[in-house]
Amino acid sequence: MAFLAVTMALLLFVAAGTISYWQGWIYLAVFFGASLLTTLYLMKRDPALLERRLSAGPFAEKRTSQRIIMVIASVSFLLLLVIPAIDHRFRWSQVPAPLVILSDFLVAVGFYLVFRVYRENTFTSATIQVTENQKVITTGPYSIVRHPMYASSLLYVIGTPLALGSFWGIVAVVGFLPALIWRLKDEEQMLATELPGYREYQHSVRYRLLPGVW
């Protein structure tokens, strides 16, 4: 987490060309405040889940398609930080302060909902796999959509560029969405094949990501 914090701070403030970037400081406080609280909870209540979450990124994936997806997603996340920071440097767009704060709140809500997913599903992993003794989870957020982790993550992805004070950063969100949908559909194919009961779950919970939409 310390390494990630330093890396994200460098990306933001070097690209912005200044540390006088209040939107960046607030965003980092929200991001790592939520991450720290979640990590402390998992260290105490579900260390096995925390260990699975630490193995992430393109090289951790076993499937070629997922490696490609994670490369795209990783680049998109970098752009989510860098484009708003460059926008701040050159003043391409100005997001009103109330909208910045509202977007930080959206980021916090996204992290909270991810936390709820962790509490409900101890089998949550950062890579696409079926682990020993894994079962289909149908309660809590899983009773609303089949992929509440992605739905929750999407909230803070959408909130990030505006929280960083940039309208241009939304371009990176547009690049992130195809990778998310590809990952989701590829994961569903694997779960339907390898996880007993998942096909029945697909029939009982109709929506993948957005209730009433898709």
C-alpha atoms as a PDB file:
ATOM      1  CA  MET A   1       0.000   0.000   0.000  1.00  0.00           C
ATOM      2  CA  ALA A   2       2.872   2.369   0.791  1.00  0.00           C
ATOM      3  CA  PHE A   3       4.436   1.650  -2.591  1.00  0.00           C
ATOM      4  CA  LEU A   4       1.107   2.207  -4.339  1.00  0.00           C
ATOM      5  CA  ALA A   5       0.532   5.459  -2.451  1.00  0.00           C
ATOM      6  CA  VAL A   6       3.940   6.828  -3.436  1.00  0.00           C
ATOM      7  CA  THR A   7       3.478   5.721  -7.045  1.00  0.00           C
ATOM      8  CA  MET A   8       0.030   7.296  -7.367  1.00  0.00           C
ATOM      9  CA  ALA A   9       1.217  10.516  -5.702  1.00  0.00           C
ATOM     10  CA  LEU A  10       4.161  10.765  -8.094  1.00  0.00           C
ATOM     11  CA  LEU A  11       1.926  10.155 -11.098  1.00  0.00           C
ATOM     12  CA  LEU A  12      -0.478  12.869 -10.002  1.00  0.00           C
ATOM     13  CA  PHE A  13       1.879  15.588  -8.856  1.00  0.00           C
ATOM     14  CA  VAL A  14       4.607  15.102 -11.457  1.00  0.00           C
ATOM     15  CA  ALA A  15       2.038  15.160 -14.255  1.00  0.00           C
ATOM     16  CA  ALA A  16       0.365  18.180 -12.657  1.00  0.00           C
ATOM     17  CA  GLY A  17       3.734  19.915 -12.312  1.00  0.00           C
ATOM     18  CA  THR A  18       2.878  21.055  -8.785  1.00  0.00           C
ATOM     19  CA  ILE A  19       1.904  19.840  -5.341  1.00  0.00           C
ATOM     20  CA  SER A  20      -0.639  22.671  -5.142  1.00  0.00           C
ATOM     21  CA  TYR A  21      -3.332  20.353  -6.405  1.00  0.00           C
ATOM     22  CA  TRP A  22      -5.979  20.133  -3.692  1.00  0.00           C
ATOM     23  CA  GLN A  23      -8.174  17.801  -5.715  1.00  0.00           C
ATOM     24  CA  GLY A  24      -5.292  15.321  -5.887  1.00  0.00           C
ATOM     25  CA  TRP A  25      -4.635  15.450  -2.137  1.00  0.00           C
ATOM     26  CA  ILE A  26      -8.287  14.871  -1.243  1.00  0.00           C
ATOM     27  CA  TYR A  27      -8.590  12.028  -3.742  1.00  0.00           C
ATOM     28  CA  LEU A  28      -5.504  10.279  -2.340  1.00  0.00           C
ATOM     29  CA  ALA A  29      -6.842  10.701   1.203  1.00  0.00           C
ATOM     30  CA  VAL A  30     -10.167   9.110   0.247  1.00  0.00           C
ATOM     31  CA  PHE A  31      -8.570   6.342  -1.833  1.00  0.00           C
ATOM     32  CA  PHE A  32      -6.010   5.257   0.743  1.00  0.00           C
ATOM     33  CA  GLY A  33      -8.185   5.940   3.752  1.00  0.00           C
ATOM     34  CA  ALA A  34     -10.763   3.505   2.366  1.00  0.00           C
ATOM     35  CA  SER A  35      -8.062   1.041   1.258  1.00  0.00           C
ATOM     36  CA  LEU A  36      -6.420   1.086   4.690  1.00  0.00           C
ATOM     37  CA  LEU A  37      -9.666   0.512   6.574  1.00  0.00           C
ATOM     38  CA  THR A  38     -10.581  -2.373   4.272  1.00  0.00           C
ATOM     39  CA  THR A  39      -7.120  -3.912   4.586  1.00  0.00           C
ATOM     40  CA  LEU A  40      -7.150  -3.710   8.384  1.00  0.00           C
ATOM     41  CA  TYR A  41     -10.567  -5.380   8.438  1.00  0.00           C
ATOM     42  CA  LEU A  42      -9.392  -8.224   6.190  1.00  0.00           C
ATOM     43  CA  MET A  43      -6.173  -8.683   8.177  1.00  0.00           C
ATOM     44  CA  LYS A  44      -8.309  -9.344  11.234  1.00  0.00           C
ATOM     45  CA  ARG A  45     -11.360 -11.119   9.795  1.00  0.00           C
ATOM     46  CA  ASP A  46     -10.341 -12.771   6.502  1.00  0.00           C
ATOM     47  CA  PRO A  47      -6.561 -12.914   5.921  1.00  0.00           C
ATOM     48  CA  ALA A  48      -6.980 -15.630   3.267  1.00  0.00           C
ATOM     49  CA  LEU A  49      -9.090 -13.264   1.168  1.00  0.00           C
ATOM     50  CA  LEU A  50      -6.536 -10.492   1.649  1.00  0.00           C
ATOM     51  CA  GLU A  51      -3.777 -12.813   0.452  1.00  0.00           C
ATOM     52  CA  ARG A  52      -5.754 -13.659  -2.698  1.00  0.00           C
ATOM     53  CA  ARG A  53      -6.357  -9.958  -3.355  1.00  0.00           C
ATOM     54  CA  LEU A  54      -2.610  -9.222  -3.201  1.00  0.00           C
ATOM     55  CA  SER A  55      -1.979 -11.427  -6.221  1.00  0.00           C
ATOM     56  CA  ALA A  56      -3.188  -9.121  -8.962  1.00  0.00           C
ATOM     57  CA  GLY A  57      -2.252  -7.716 -12.339  1.00  0.00           C
ATOM     58  CA  PRO A  58      -1.628  -9.114 -15.832  1.00  0.00           C
ATOM     59  CA  PHE A  59       1.126 -11.522 -14.779  1.00  0.00           C
ATOM     60  CA  ALA A  60      -1.011 -13.069 -12.022  1.00  0.00           C
ATOM     61  CA  GLU A  61      -3.710 -14.157 -14.479  1.00  0.00           C
ATOM     62  CA  LYS A  62      -3.611 -17.701 -15.847  1.00  0.00           C
ATOM     63  CA  ARG A  63      -5.779 -17.112 -18.919  1.00  0.00           C
ATOM     64  CA  THR A  64      -4.316 -15.286 -21.922  1.00  0.00           C
ATOM     65  CA  SER A  65      -7.504 -13.314 -22.505  1.00  0.00           C
ATOM     66  CA  GLN A  66      -7.467 -12.072 -18.915  1.00  0.00           C
ATOM     67  CA  ARG A  67      -3.812 -11.030 -19.190  1.00  0.00           C
ATOM     68  CA  ILE A  68      -4.708  -8.869 -22.180  1.00  0.00           C
ATOM     69  CA  ILE A  69      -7.732  -7.443 -20.378  1.00  0.00           C
ATOM     70  CA  MET A  70      -5.681  -6.570 -17.304  1.00  0.00           C
ATOM     71  CA  VAL A  71      -3.048  -4.801 -19.410  1.00  0.00           C
ATOM     72  CA  ILE A  72      -5.798  -2.640 -20.936  1.00  0.00           C
ATOM     73  CA  ALA A  73      -7.376  -2.028 -17.523  1.00  0.00           C
ATOM     74  CA  SER A  74      -4.017  -1.129 -15.945  1.00  0.00           C
ATOM     75  CA  VAL A  75      -3.195   1.370 -18.694  1.00  0.00           C
ATOM     76  CA  SER A  76      -6.690   2.839 -18.414  1.00  0.00           C
ATOM     77  CA  PHE A  77      -6.278   3.288 -14.645  1.00  0.00           C
ATOM     78  CA  LEU A  78      -2.960   5.083 -15.175  1.00  0.00           C
ATOM     79  CA  LEU A  79      -4.686   7.384 -17.645  1.00  0.00           C
ATOM     80  CA  LEU A  80      -7.442   8.013 -15.082  1.00  0.00           C
ATOM     81  CA  LEU A  81      -4.762   9.667 -12.954  1.00  0.00           C
ATOM     82  CA  VAL A  82      -2.437  11.188 -15.529  1.00  0.00           C
ATOM     83  CA  ILE A  83      -4.991  12.856 -17.831  1.00  0.00           C
ATOM     84  CA  PRO A  84      -6.683  14.817 -14.998  1.00  0.00           C
ATOM     85  CA  ALA A  85      -3.278  15.826 -13.623  1.00  0.00           C
ATOM     86  CA  ILE A  86      -2.148  17.117 -17.033  1.00  0.00           C
ATOM     87  CA  ASP A  87      -5.535  18.804 -17.364  1.00  0.00           C
ATOM     88  CA  HIS A  88      -4.831  20.560 -14.056  1.00  0.00           C
ATOM     89  CA  ARG A  89      -1.416  21.712 -15.312  1.00  0.00           C
ATOM     90  CA  PHE A  90      -2.727  23.226 -18.550  1.00  0.00           C
ATOM     91  CA  ARG A  91      -6.195  24.236 -17.285  1.00  0.00           C
ATOM     92  CA  TRP A  92      -8.066  22.473 -20.071  1.00  0.00           C
ATOM     93  CA  SER A  93     -11.224  22.141 -17.977  1.00  0.00           C
ATOM     94  CA  GLN A  94     -12.540  23.325 -14.633  1.00  0.00           C
ATOM     95  CA  VAL A  95     -14.778  21.110 -12.493  1.00  0.00           C
ATOM     96  CA  PRO A  96     -16.749  23.095  -9.872  1.00  0.00           C
ATOM     97  CA  ALA A  97     -15.616  22.397  -6.307  1.00  0.00           C
ATOM     98  CA  PRO A  98     -19.027  21.005  -5.200  1.00  0.00           C
ATOM     99  CA  LEU A  99     -18.891  18.463  -8.049  1.00  0.00           C
ATOM    100  CA  VAL A 100     -15.330  17.505  -7.050  1.00  0.00           C
ATOM    101  CA  ILE A 101     -16.464  16.832  -3.474  1.00  0.00           C
ATOM    102  CA  LEU A 102     -19.521  14.919  -4.697  1.00  0.00           C
ATOM    103  CA  SER A 103     -17.256  12.783  -6.886  1.00  0.00           C
ATOM    104  CA  ASP A 104     -14.966  12.057  -3.925  1.00  0.00           C
ATOM    105  CA  PHE A 105     -18.085  10.891  -2.099  1.00  0.00           C
ATOM    106  CA  LEU A 106     -18.896   8.632  -5.076  1.00  0.00           C
ATOM    107  CA  VAL A 107     -15.375   7.163  -4.855  1.00  0.00           C
ATOM    108  CA  ALA A 108     -15.899   6.510  -1.136  1.00  0.00           C
ATOM    109  CA  VAL A 109     -19.283   4.851  -1.808  1.00  0.00           C
ATOM    110  CA  GLY A 110     -17.648   2.636  -4.436  1.00  0.00           C
ATOM    111  CA  PHE A 111     -15.028   1.505  -1.915  1.00  0.00           C
ATOM    112  CA  TYR A 112     -17.685   0.868   0.719  1.00  0.00           C
ATOM    113  CA  LEU A 113     -19.690  -1.321  -1.643  1.00  0.00           C
ATOM    114  CA  VAL A 114     -16.526  -3.243  -2.557  1.00  0.00           C
ATOM    115  CA  PHE A 115     -16.035  -3.799   1.181  1.00  0.00           C
ATOM    116  CA  ARG A 116     -19.577  -5.165   1.386  1.00  0.00           C
ATOM    117  CA  VAL A 117     -18.730  -7.609  -1.398  1.00  0.00           C
ATOM    118  CA  TYR A 118     -15.655  -8.783   0.534  1.00  0.00           C
ATOM    119  CA  ARG A 119     -17.790  -9.364   3.624  1.00  0.00           C
ATOM    120  CA  GLU A 120     -20.316 -11.389   1.635  1.00  0.00           C
ATOM    121  CA  ASN A 121     -17.949 -13.440  -0.501  1.00  0.00           C
ATOM    122  CA  THR A 122     -14.731 -14.799   0.975  1.00  0.00           C
ATOM    123  CA  PHE A 123     -13.914 -16.397  -2.404  1.00  0.00           C
ATOM    124  CA  THR A 124     -13.376 -13.017  -4.049  1.00  0.00           C
ATOM    125  CA  SER A 125     -10.063 -13.053  -5.881  1.00  0.00           C
ATOM    126  CA  ALA A 126      -8.089 -10.485  -7.864  1.00  0.00           C
ATOM    127  CA  THR A 127      -7.609 -13.082 -10.599  1.00  0.00           C
ATOM    128  CA  ILE A 128     -10.163 -15.103 -12.525  1.00  0.00           C
ATOM    129  CA  GLN A 129     -10.168 -18.586 -11.013  1.00  0.00           C
ATOM    130  CA  VAL A 130     -12.291 -21.150  -9.200  1.00  0.00           C
ATOM    131  CA  THR A 131     -10.751 -22.150  -5.874  1.00  0.00           C
ATOM    132  CA  GLU A 132     -11.180 -25.342  -3.883  1.00  0.00           C
ATOM    133  CA  ASN A 133     -14.520 -25.572  -2.048  1.00  0.00           C
ATOM    134  CA  GLN A 134     -15.770 -22.403  -3.753  1.00  0.00           C
ATOM    135  CA  LYS A 135     -19.521 -22.052  -3.895  1.00  0.00           C
ATOM    136  CA  VAL A 136     -21.962 -19.709  -5.600  1.00  0.00           C
ATOM    137  CA  ILE A 137     -22.850 -16.695  -3.453  1.00  0.00           C
ATOM    138  CA  THR A 138     -26.453 -15.564  -3.896  1.00  0.00           C
ATOM    139  CA  THR A 139     -26.980 -13.297  -0.878  1.00  0.00           C
ATOM    140  CA  GLY A 140     -26.385  -9.620  -0.156  1.00  0.00           C
ATOM    141  CA  PRO A 141     -25.268  -7.632  -3.230  1.00  0.00           C
ATOM    142  CA  TYR A 142     -25.136 -10.887  -5.215  1.00  0.00           C
ATOM    143  CA  SER A 143     -28.924 -11.059  -5.014  1.00  0.00           C
ATOM    144  CA  ILE A 144     -29.110  -7.796  -6.996  1.00  0.00           C
ATOM    145  CA  VAL A 145     -26.460  -8.207  -9.710  1.00  0.00           C
ATOM    146  CA  ARG A 146     -24.171 -11.084 -10.612  1.00  0.00           C
ATOM    147  CA  HIS A 147     -21.007  -8.966 -10.477  1.00  0.00           C
ATOM    148  CA  PRO A 148     -21.330  -6.501  -7.581  1.00  0.00           C
ATOM    149  CA  MET A 149     -17.537  -6.161  -7.348  1.00  0.00           C
ATOM    150  CA  TYR A 150     -17.346  -4.732 -10.867  1.00  0.00           C
ATOM    151  CA  ALA A 151     -20.430  -2.599 -10.327  1.00  0.00           C
ATOM    152  CA  SER A 152     -18.919  -1.135  -7.151  1.00  0.00           C
ATOM    153  CA  SER A 153     -15.518  -0.589  -8.754  1.00  0.00           C
ATOM    154  CA  LEU A 154     -17.186   1.190 -11.637  1.00  0.00           C
ATOM    155  CA  LEU A 155     -18.493   3.816  -9.210  1.00  0.00           C
ATOM    156  CA  TYR A 156     -15.054   4.917  -8.094  1.00  0.00           C
ATOM    157  CA  VAL A 157     -13.680   4.656 -11.633  1.00  0.00           C
ATOM    158  CA  ILE A 158     -16.399   7.026 -12.852  1.00  0.00           C
ATOM    159  CA  GLY A 159     -15.856   9.309  -9.868  1.00  0.00           C
ATOM    160  CA  THR A 160     -12.062   9.486 -10.203  1.00  0.00           C
ATOM    161  CA  PRO A 161     -11.567  12.000 -13.061  1.00  0.00           C
ATOM    162  CA  LEU A 162     -14.168  14.414 -11.694  1.00  0.00           C
ATOM    163  CA  ALA A 163     -12.767  14.040  -8.164  1.00  0.00           C
ATOM    164  CA  LEU A 164      -9.417  15.037  -9.660  1.00  0.00           C
ATOM    165  CA  GLY A 165     -11.014  18.116 -11.199  1.00  0.00           C
ATOM    166  CA  SER A 166     -11.064  17.050 -14.844  1.00  0.00           C
ATOM    167  CA  PHE A 167     -13.743  16.574 -17.466  1.00  0.00           C
ATOM    168  CA  TRP A 168     -11.161  15.345 -19.981  1.00  0.00           C
ATOM    169  CA  GLY A 169     -10.303  12.438 -17.696  1.00  0.00           C
ATOM    170  CA  ILE A 170     -13.662  10.902 -18.560  1.00  0.00           C
ATOM    171  CA  VAL A 171     -11.987   9.760 -21.800  1.00  0.00           C
ATOM    172  CA  ALA A 172     -10.056   7.203 -19.743  1.00  0.00           C
ATOM    173  CA  VAL A 173     -13.333   5.894 -18.275  1.00  0.00           C
ATOM    174  CA  VAL A 174     -14.593   5.269 -21.816  1.00  0.00           C
ATOM    175  CA  GLY A 175     -11.428   3.241 -22.465  1.00  0.00           C
ATOM    176  CA  PHE A 176     -11.878   1.298 -19.224  1.00  0.00           C
ATOM    177  CA  LEU A 177     -15.450   0.161 -19.869  1.00  0.00           C
ATOM    178  CA  PRO A 178     -14.784  -2.250 -22.795  1.00  0.00           C
ATOM    179  CA  ALA A 179     -12.079  -3.993 -20.755  1.00  0.00           C
ATOM    180  CA  LEU A 180     -14.458  -4.342 -17.792  1.00  0.00           C
ATOM    181  CA  ILE A 181     -17.250  -5.797 -19.931  1.00  0.00           C
ATOM    182  CA  TRP A 182     -14.840  -8.175 -21.697  1.00  0.00           C
ATOM    183  CA  ARG A 183     -13.463  -9.374 -18.354  1.00  0.00           C
ATOM    184  CA  LEU A 184     -16.962  -9.840 -16.948  1.00  0.00           C
ATOM    185  CA  LYS A 185     -18.239 -11.886 -19.878  1.00  0.00           C
ATOM    186  CA  ASP A 186     -15.078 -14.002 -20.054  1.00  0.00           C
ATOM    187  CA  GLU A 187     -15.350 -14.696 -16.327  1.00  0.00           C
ATOM    188  CA  GLU A 188     -18.987 -15.718 -16.661  1.00  0.00           C
ATOM    189  CA  GLN A 189     -18.127 -18.261 -19.340  1.00  0.00           C
ATOM    190  CA  MET A 190     -15.529 -19.833 -17.061  1.00  0.00           C
ATOM    191  CA  LEU A 191     -17.784 -19.843 -13.984  1.00  0.00           C
ATOM    192  CA  ALA A 192     -20.670 -21.374 -15.915  1.00  0.00           C
ATOM    193  CA  THR A 193     -18.343 -24.206 -16.966  1.00  0.00           C
ATOM    194  CA  GLU A 194     -16.314 -24.778 -13.800  1.00  0.00           C
ATOM    195  CA  LEU A 195     -18.431 -23.644 -10.819  1.00  0.00           C
ATOM    196  CA  PRO A 196     -21.364 -25.947  -9.950  1.00  0.00           C
ATOM    197  CA  GLY A 197     -24.643 -24.070  -9.603  1.00  0.00           C
ATOM    198  CA  TYR A 198     -23.535 -20.960 -11.471  1.00  0.00           C
ATOM    199  CA  ARG A 199     -25.813 -21.554 -14.481  1.00  0.00           C
ATOM    200  CA  GLU A 200     -28.817 -21.749 -12.160  1.00  0.00           C
ATOM    201  CA  TYR A 201     -27.646 -18.540 -10.475  1.00  0.00           C
ATOM    202  CA  GLN A 202     -27.522 -16.822 -13.883  1.00  0.00           C
ATOM    203  CA  HIS A 203     -31.176 -17.671 -14.394  1.00  0.00           C
ATOM    204  CA  SER A 204     -32.240 -16.480 -10.934  1.00  0.00           C
ATOM    205  CA  VAL A 205     -30.308 -13.161 -11.028  1.00  0.00           C
ATOM    206  CA  ARG A 206     -30.876 -11.635 -14.461  1.00  0.00           C
ATOM    207  CA  TYR A 207     -28.637  -8.574 -14.380  1.00  0.00           C
ATOM    208  CA  ARG A 208     -24.864  -8.660 -14.612  1.00  0.00           C
ATOM    209  CA  LEU A 209     -23.819  -5.116 -13.708  1.00  0.00           C
ATOM    210  CA  LEU A 210     -26.640  -2.568 -13.555  1.00  0.00           C
ATOM    211  CA  PRO A 211     -30.028  -3.508 -12.032  1.00  0.00           C
ATOM    212  CA  GLY A 212     -32.804  -3.143 -14.580  1.00  0.00           C
ATOM    213  CA  VAL A 213     -30.370  -2.364 -17.398  1.00  0.00           C
ATOM    214  CA  TRP A 214     -27.808  -5.145 -18.084  1.00  0.00           C
END
